Amino acid sequence: MVAFTLLLPNGAPPTGSVETTVHLGVEHTERLRLSLSVSRGKIPALLQVSHDGAETAFLSLPESWALQEVKNARIADVPADAPTFGFRRWHLPPGAILTLSIPSPPDGAVVNNPSRVPLELRVTRIDLLHQTTERDVYLTTDQPQKIW
């Protein structure tokens, strides 16, 4: 099973800048509840990821997203595969919490679940500029899920 991510332009808004959407891949063999918390509004943005499964889940994220912190696990227990096509595949063991910095936050994000096993996404979006927090829960099996 292979999961990959890529940064795709969605077209140019009236300002002339290009909007971007990042595709994140999640691989797992059992039902999984993945928690994603993203704080945006300052550079870099931060993403915190954890899951409640009993297995190691694999997350494909852009190579430029740098690991900042690991909680509830040793750093050695959270390896990342060598970058491929500009993306890195992280091994997220049960109970571990990763925090990554996002140097160029995308305008949108989509989670892909190529595993065909149900994936519950618990997403928290924190907007530091407007001081707002939004929480959503999504259930996905085989369709990409836009999370912001």
Protein backbone atom coordinates (compact mmCIF):
# COMPACT_ATOMS: atom_id res chain seq x y z
CA MET A 1 0.00 0.00 0.00
CA VAL A 2 1.43 3.37 -0.96
CA ALA A 3 0.25 6.77 0.15
CA PHE A 4 1.64 10.01 -1.14
CA THR A 5 1.10 13.70 -0.79
CA LEU A 6 1.54 16.58 -3.12
CA LEU A 7 1.03 20.29 -3.11
CA LEU A 8 -1.34 21.33 -5.87
CA PRO A 9 -2.26 24.79 -7.15
CA ASN A 10 -6.01 25.40 -7.19
CA GLY A 11 -5.96 28.46 -9.41
CA ALA A 12 -5.29 32.12 -8.88
CA PRO A 13 -7.58 34.32 -6.78
CA PRO A 14 -8.20 37.94 -7.81
CA THR A 15 -5.05 39.10 -6.00
CA GLY A 16 -2.93 37.14 -8.47
CA SER A 17 -1.37 34.89 -5.82
CA VAL A 18 -1.75 31.14 -6.17
CA GLU A 19 -3.89 29.24 -3.66
CA THR A 20 -2.53 25.89 -2.57
CA THR A 21 -4.06 22.73 -1.18
CA VAL A 22 -1.94 20.04 0.42
CA HIS A 23 -2.94 16.37 0.28
CA LEU A 24 -2.04 14.32 3.37
CA GLY A 25 -1.93 10.52 3.27
CA VAL A 26 -2.83 8.19 6.16
CA GLU A 27 -2.10 4.44 6.06
CA HIS A 28 -3.44 1.96 8.61
CA THR A 29 -4.84 -1.59 8.74
CA GLU A 30 -7.40 -1.22 11.56
CA ARG A 31 -10.10 1.35 12.31
CA LEU A 32 -8.38 4.52 13.43
CA ARG A 33 -9.24 7.83 15.08
CA LEU A 34 -6.69 10.42 13.99
CA SER A 35 -6.58 13.79 15.74
CA LEU A 36 -5.17 16.77 13.85
CA SER A 37 -4.82 20.21 15.37
CA VAL A 38 -3.55 23.03 13.20
CA SER A 39 -2.81 26.54 14.42
CA ARG A 40 -2.48 29.14 11.69
CA GLY A 41 -2.10 32.88 11.58
CA LYS A 42 1.58 33.06 12.36
CA ILE A 43 4.54 31.70 10.44
CA PRO A 44 5.30 28.94 10.91
CA ALA A 45 1.92 27.29 11.41
CA LEU A 46 1.90 24.25 13.70
CA LEU A 47 0.31 20.83 13.22
CA GLN A 48 -0.15 18.39 16.09
CA VAL A 49 -1.04 14.77 15.21
CA SER A 50 -1.99 11.75 17.32
CA HIS A 51 -4.17 8.63 17.07
CA ASP A 52 -5.88 6.17 19.38
CA GLY A 53 -5.13 2.98 17.44
CA ALA A 54 -3.16 -0.04 18.61
CA GLU A 55 -0.93 -0.07 15.53
CA THR A 56 1.64 2.26 14.02
CA ALA A 57 -0.05 4.58 11.52
CA PHE A 58 1.84 6.10 8.61
CA LEU A 59 1.43 9.76 7.68
CA SER A 60 2.65 11.23 4.42
CA LEU A 61 3.34 14.95 4.84
CA PRO A 62 5.26 17.54 2.82
CA GLU A 63 9.00 17.30 3.31
CA SER A 64 9.19 20.97 4.35
CA TRP A 65 7.03 20.29 7.43
CA ALA A 66 9.67 19.93 10.15
CA LEU A 67 9.36 17.84 13.29
CA GLN A 68 9.38 20.10 16.37
CA GLU A 69 8.37 17.84 19.23
CA VAL A 70 7.50 14.23 20.09
CA LYS A 71 5.44 13.42 23.19
CA ASN A 72 4.70 10.02 24.76
CA ALA A 73 7.37 8.27 22.69
CA ARG A 74 11.09 8.36 22.07
CA ILE A 75 12.21 10.20 18.94
CA ALA A 76 13.77 6.93 17.77
CA ASP A 77 10.27 5.38 17.83
CA VAL A 78 8.99 7.99 15.35
CA PRO A 79 11.15 7.54 12.26
CA ALA A 80 10.49 9.11 8.89
CA ASP A 81 11.25 7.54 5.54
CA ALA A 82 13.59 9.35 3.18
CA PRO A 83 11.78 12.06 1.22
CA THR A 84 10.17 10.98 -2.04
CA PHE A 85 8.79 13.50 -4.52
CA GLY A 86 9.08 16.21 -1.84
CA PHE A 87 7.14 14.32 0.82
CA ARG A 88 8.09 12.35 3.92
CA ARG A 89 6.30 9.31 5.40
CA TRP A 90 6.22 9.44 9.22
CA HIS A 91 5.73 6.36 11.42
CA LEU A 92 3.35 7.32 14.24
CA PRO A 93 3.26 4.68 17.01
CA PRO A 94 0.27 4.31 19.34
CA GLY A 95 0.09 7.07 21.95
CA ALA A 96 2.70 9.29 20.32
CA ILE A 97 1.96 12.95 19.63
CA LEU A 98 3.90 14.75 16.91
CA THR A 99 4.17 18.49 16.49
CA LEU A 100 5.42 19.77 13.14
CA SER A 101 6.07 23.28 11.92
CA ILE A 102 4.63 24.33 8.55
CA PRO A 103 6.84 27.08 7.09
CA SER A 104 4.46 27.94 4.21
CA PRO A 105 0.93 27.09 5.36
CA PRO A 106 -1.35 25.98 2.51
CA ASP A 107 -4.78 27.53 1.99
CA GLY A 108 -6.43 24.11 2.24
CA ALA A 109 -5.77 20.52 3.26
CA VAL A 110 -7.26 17.21 2.14
CA VAL A 111 -6.75 13.86 3.90
CA ASN A 112 -6.51 10.76 1.72
CA ASN A 113 -7.18 7.33 3.24
CA PRO A 114 -5.88 4.76 0.72
CA SER A 115 -6.17 1.98 3.32
CA ARG A 116 -9.91 1.42 2.68
CA VAL A 117 -10.40 0.96 6.42
CA PRO A 118 -12.62 3.52 8.23
CA LEU A 119 -10.76 6.59 9.43
CA GLU A 120 -12.27 9.05 11.90
CA LEU A 121 -10.67 12.47 11.66
CA ARG A 122 -10.96 14.80 14.64
CA VAL A 123 -9.84 18.18 13.38
CA THR A 124 -9.22 21.32 15.41
CA ARG A 125 -8.45 24.52 13.49
CA ILE A 126 -7.04 27.40 15.51
CA ASP A 127 -6.92 30.84 13.87
CA LEU A 128 -4.50 32.94 15.88
CA LEU A 129 -5.26 36.15 13.96
CA HIS A 130 -9.00 36.02 14.60
CA GLN A 131 -8.72 34.18 17.93
CA THR A 132 -11.17 31.47 16.87
CA THR A 133 -11.23 27.70 17.19
CA GLU A 134 -13.29 25.28 15.09
CA ARG A 135 -13.69 21.56 15.72
CA ASP A 136 -15.08 18.99 13.31
CA VAL A 137 -15.26 15.21 13.08
CA TYR A 138 -15.20 13.42 9.71
CA LEU A 139 -15.56 9.74 8.84
CA THR A 140 -13.88 8.64 5.65
CA THR A 141 -13.20 5.30 4.02
CA ASP A 142 -12.16 5.85 0.44
CA GLN A 143 -12.99 9.43 -0.52
CA PRO A 144 -10.55 12.30 0.12
CA GLN A 145 -11.77 14.56 2.94
CA LYS A 146 -11.19 18.31 2.90
CA ILE A 147 -10.36 19.38 6.46
CA TRP A 148 -9.63 23.08 5.85
